[in-house]
């Protein structure tokens, strides 16, 4: 997915394509906000 905006940017120099590529990169490589979120381990059985 990152290839498309990079190709557009490299061929046109369009800054919006570069910013789009950076947005896609940040979405792909975004870490979980709270690694200590233990909601998955909550006891759901009563």
PDB file of N, CA and C in Angstrom:
ATOM      1  N   UNK A   1       0.828  -1.207   0.000  1.00  0.00           N
ATOM      2  CA  UNK A   1       0.000   0.000   0.000  1.00  0.00           C
ATOM      3  C   UNK A   1       0.860   1.253   0.000  1.00  0.00           C
ATOM      4  N   UNK A   2       2.022   1.201   0.603  1.00  0.00           N
ATOM      5  CA  UNK A   2       2.888   2.375   0.667  1.00  0.00           C
ATOM      6  C   UNK A   2       3.502   2.675  -0.697  1.00  0.00           C
ATOM      7  N   UNK A   3       3.572   1.674  -1.562  1.00  0.00           N
ATOM      8  CA  UNK A   3       4.192   1.855  -2.876  1.00  0.00           C
ATOM      9  C   UNK A   3       3.451   2.879  -3.733  1.00  0.00           C
ATOM     10  N   UNK A   4       2.140   2.896  -3.676  1.00  0.00           N
ATOM     11  CA  UNK A   4       1.363   3.794  -4.531  1.00  0.00           C
ATOM     12  C   UNK A   4       1.660   5.253  -4.228  1.00  0.00           C
ATOM     13  N   UNK A   5       1.519   5.711  -2.973  1.00  0.00           N
ATOM     14  CA  UNK A   5       1.821   7.125  -2.729  1.00  0.00           C
ATOM     15  C   UNK A   5       3.294   7.451  -2.982  1.00  0.00           C
ATOM     16  N   UNK A   6       4.194   6.500  -2.747  1.00  0.00           N
ATOM     17  CA  UNK A   6       5.612   6.774  -3.003  1.00  0.00           C
ATOM     18  C   UNK A   6       5.862   6.966  -4.490  1.00  0.00           C
ATOM     19  N   UNK A   7       5.257   6.136  -5.321  1.00  0.00           N
ATOM     20  CA  UNK A   7       5.433   6.285  -6.771  1.00  0.00           C
ATOM     21  C   UNK A   7       4.881   7.618  -7.248  1.00  0.00           C
ATOM     22  N   UNK A   8       3.721   8.005  -6.725  1.00  0.00           N
ATOM     23  CA  UNK A   8       3.139   9.294  -7.100  1.00  0.00           C
ATOM     24  C   UNK A   8       4.074  10.423  -6.686  1.00  0.00           C
ATOM     25  N   UNK A   9       4.574  10.365  -5.454  1.00  0.00           N
ATOM     26  CA  UNK A   9       5.469  11.410  -4.973  1.00  0.00           C
ATOM     27  C   UNK A   9       6.771  11.453  -5.769  1.00  0.00           C
ATOM     28  N   UNK A  10       7.364  10.286  -6.007  1.00  0.00           N
ATOM     29  CA  UNK A  10       8.659  10.267  -6.689  1.00  0.00           C
ATOM     30  C   UNK A  10       8.548  10.749  -8.136  1.00  0.00           C
ATOM     31  N   UNK A  11       7.389  10.554  -8.756  1.00  0.00           N
ATOM     32  CA  UNK A  11       7.218  10.981 -10.144  1.00  0.00           C
ATOM     33  C   UNK A  11       6.749  12.422 -10.278  1.00  0.00           C
ATOM     34  N   UNK A  12       6.022  12.909  -9.273  1.00  0.00           N
ATOM     35  CA  UNK A  12       5.423  14.238  -9.401  1.00  0.00           C
ATOM     36  C   UNK A  12       5.989  15.259  -8.424  1.00  0.00           C
ATOM     37  N   UNK A  13       6.554  14.782  -7.310  1.00  0.00           N
ATOM     38  CA  UNK A  13       7.008  15.707  -6.276  1.00  0.00           C
ATOM     39  C   UNK A  13       5.860  16.277  -5.462  1.00  0.00           C
ATOM     40  N   UNK A  14       4.693  15.681  -5.586  1.00  0.00           N
ATOM     41  CA  UNK A  14       3.502  16.158  -4.897  1.00  0.00           C
ATOM     42  C   UNK A  14       3.638  15.894  -3.402  1.00  0.00           C
ATOM     43  N   UNK A  15       3.649  16.961  -2.615  1.00  0.00           N
ATOM     44  CA  UNK A  15       3.828  16.842  -1.166  1.00  0.00           C
ATOM     45  C   UNK A  15       2.647  16.131  -0.519  1.00  0.00           C
ATOM     46  N   UNK A  16       1.457  16.251  -1.094  1.00  0.00           N
ATOM     47  CA  UNK A  16       0.295  15.565  -0.534  1.00  0.00           C
ATOM     48  C   UNK A  16       0.443  14.052  -0.650  1.00  0.00           C
ATOM     49  N   UNK A  17       1.060  13.581  -1.713  1.00  0.00           N
ATOM     50  CA  UNK A  17       1.315  12.148  -1.855  1.00  0.00           C
ATOM     51  C   UNK A  17       2.318  11.686  -0.807  1.00  0.00           C
ATOM     52  N   UNK A  18       3.319  12.523  -0.520  1.00  0.00           N
ATOM     53  CA  UNK A  18       4.300  12.189   0.513  1.00  0.00           C
ATOM     54  C   UNK A  18       3.628  12.118   1.885  1.00  0.00           C
ATOM     55  N   UNK A  19       2.790  13.089   2.180  1.00  0.00           N
ATOM     56  CA  UNK A  19       2.084  13.091   3.469  1.00  0.00           C
ATOM     57  C   UNK A  19       1.138  11.907   3.573  1.00  0.00           C
ATOM     58  N   UNK A  20       0.508  11.529   2.469  1.00  0.00           N
ATOM     59  CA  UNK A  20      -0.355  10.350   2.436  1.00  0.00           C
ATOM     60  C   UNK A  20       0.461   9.096   2.736  1.00  0.00           C
ATOM     61  N   UNK A  21       1.664   9.002   2.144  1.00  0.00           N
ATOM     62  CA  UNK A  21       2.534   7.857   2.393  1.00  0.00           C
ATOM     63  C   UNK A  21       2.910   7.781   3.875  1.00  0.00           C
ATOM     64  N   UNK A  22       3.254   8.918   4.478  1.00  0.00           N
ATOM     65  CA  UNK A  22       3.613   8.938   5.891  1.00  0.00           C
ATOM     66  C   UNK A  22       2.426   8.551   6.765  1.00  0.00           C
ATOM     67  N   UNK A  23       1.242   8.951   6.388  1.00  0.00           N
ATOM     68  CA  UNK A  23       0.047   8.576   7.151  1.00  0.00           C
ATOM     69  C   UNK A  23      -0.178   7.066   7.080  1.00  0.00           C
ATOM     70  N   UNK A  24      -0.012   6.506   5.897  1.00  0.00           N
ATOM     71  CA  UNK A  24      -0.174   5.062   5.723  1.00  0.00           C
ATOM     72  C   UNK A  24       0.886   4.324   6.537  1.00  0.00           C
ATOM     73  N   UNK A  25       2.130   4.812   6.494  1.00  0.00           N
ATOM     74  CA  UNK A  25       3.208   4.189   7.280  1.00  0.00           C
ATOM     75  C   UNK A  25       2.884   4.198   8.759  1.00  0.00           C
ATOM     76  N   UNK A  26       2.403   5.319   9.271  1.00  0.00           N
ATOM     77  CA  UNK A  26       2.123   5.408  10.705  1.00  0.00           C
ATOM     78  C   UNK A  26       0.978   4.492  11.100  1.00  0.00           C
ATOM     79  N   UNK A  27       0.005   4.294  10.206  1.00  0.00           N
ATOM     80  CA  UNK A  27      -1.088   3.375  10.493  1.00  0.00           C
ATOM     81  C   UNK A  27      -0.602   1.933  10.507  1.00  0.00           C
ATOM     82  N   UNK A  28       0.307   1.596   9.607  1.00  0.00           N
ATOM     83  CA  UNK A  28       0.813   0.229   9.501  1.00  0.00           C
ATOM     84  C   UNK A  28       1.685  -0.125  10.693  1.00  0.00           C
ATOM     85  N   UNK A  29       2.534   0.802  11.120  1.00  0.00           N
ATOM     86  CA  UNK A  29       3.515   0.509  12.151  1.00  0.00           C
ATOM     87  C   UNK A  29       3.130   1.044  13.526  1.00  0.00           C
ATOM     88  N   UNK A  30       1.885   1.459  13.696  1.00  0.00           N
ATOM     89  CA  UNK A  30       1.457   2.037  14.965  1.00  0.00           C
ATOM     90  C   UNK A  30       1.431   0.970  16.055  1.00  0.00           C
ATOM     91  N   UNK A  31       2.065   1.276  17.171  1.00  0.00           N
ATOM     92  CA  UNK A  31       2.075   0.390  18.330  1.00  0.00           C
ATOM     93  C   UNK A  31       0.767   0.554  19.094  1.00  0.00           C
ATOM     94  N   UNK A  32       0.359  -0.459  19.828  1.00  0.00           N
ATOM     95  CA  UNK A  32      -0.823  -0.289  20.681  1.00  0.00           C
ATOM     96  C   UNK A  32      -0.595   0.859  21.666  1.00  0.00           C
ATOM     97  N   UNK A  33      -1.648   1.637  21.906  1.00  0.00           N
ATOM     98  CA  UNK A  33      -1.500   2.807  22.761  1.00  0.00           C
ATOM     99  C   UNK A  33      -1.147   2.437  24.192  1.00  0.00           C
ATOM    100  N   UNK A  34      -1.761   1.391  24.697  1.00  0.00           N
ATOM    101  CA  UNK A  34      -1.514   1.004  26.079  1.00  0.00           C
ATOM    102  C   UNK A  34      -1.191  -0.483  26.122  1.00  0.00           C
ATOM    103  N   UNK A  35       0.079  -0.793  26.250  1.00  0.00           N
ATOM    104  CA  UNK A  35       0.483  -2.192  26.284  1.00  0.00           C
ATOM    105  C   UNK A  35       0.065  -2.875  27.583  1.00  0.00           C
ATOM    106  N   UNK A  36      -0.284  -2.102  28.587  1.00  0.00           N
ATOM    107  CA  UNK A  36      -0.683  -2.658  29.872  1.00  0.00           C
ATOM    108  C   UNK A  36      -2.196  -2.809  29.978  1.00  0.00           C
ATOM    109  N   UNK A  37      -2.876  -2.753  28.879  1.00  0.00           N
ATOM    110  CA  UNK A  37      -4.325  -2.897  28.867  1.00  0.00           C
ATOM    111  C   UNK A  37      -4.654  -4.385  29.025  1.00  0.00           C
ATOM    112  N   UNK A  38      -5.196  -4.739  30.166  1.00  0.00           N
ATOM    113  CA  UNK A  38      -5.460  -6.136  30.480  1.00  0.00           C
ATOM    114  C   UNK A  38      -6.925  -6.502  30.297  1.00  0.00           C
ATOM    115  N   UNK A  39      -7.646  -5.746  29.472  1.00  0.00           N
ATOM    116  CA  UNK A  39      -9.073  -6.054  29.288  1.00  0.00           C
ATOM    117  C   UNK A  39      -9.255  -7.405  28.620  1.00  0.00           C
ATOM    118  N   UNK A  40      -8.267  -7.878  27.880  1.00  0.00           N
ATOM    119  CA  UNK A  40      -8.390  -9.196  27.272  1.00  0.00           C
ATOM    120  C   UNK A  40      -8.352 -10.313  28.307  1.00  0.00           C
ATOM    121  N   UNK A  41      -7.795 -10.017  29.460  1.00  0.00           N
ATOM    122  CA  UNK A  41      -7.627 -11.039  30.477  1.00  0.00           C
ATOM    123  C   UNK A  41      -8.686 -10.969  31.568  1.00  0.00           C
ATOM    124  N   UNK A  42      -9.667 -10.101  31.411  1.00  0.00           N
ATOM    125  CA  UNK A  42     -10.718  -9.994  32.409  1.00  0.00           C
ATOM    126  C   UNK A  42     -11.556 -11.277  32.429  1.00  0.00           C
ATOM    127  N   UNK A  43     -11.999 -11.648  33.593  1.00  0.00           N
ATOM    128  CA  UNK A  43     -12.842 -12.821  33.745  1.00  0.00           C
ATOM    129  C   UNK A  43     -14.252 -12.466  33.298  1.00  0.00           C
ATOM    130  N   UNK A  44     -14.691 -13.079  32.224  1.00  0.00           N
ATOM    131  CA  UNK A  44     -16.016 -12.774  31.708  1.00  0.00           C
ATOM    132  C   UNK A  44     -17.034 -13.827  32.100  1.00  0.00           C
ATOM    133  N   UNK A  45     -16.608 -14.859  32.803  1.00  0.00           N
ATOM    134  CA  UNK A  45     -17.512 -15.920  33.242  1.00  0.00           C
ATOM    135  C   UNK A  45     -17.917 -15.660  34.702  1.00  0.00           C
ATOM    136  N   UNK A  46     -19.203 -15.730  34.942  1.00  0.00           N
ATOM    137  CA  UNK A  46     -19.692 -15.478  36.309  1.00  0.00           C
ATOM    138  C   UNK A  46     -20.043 -16.754  37.001  1.00  0.00           C
TER     139      UNK A  46
END
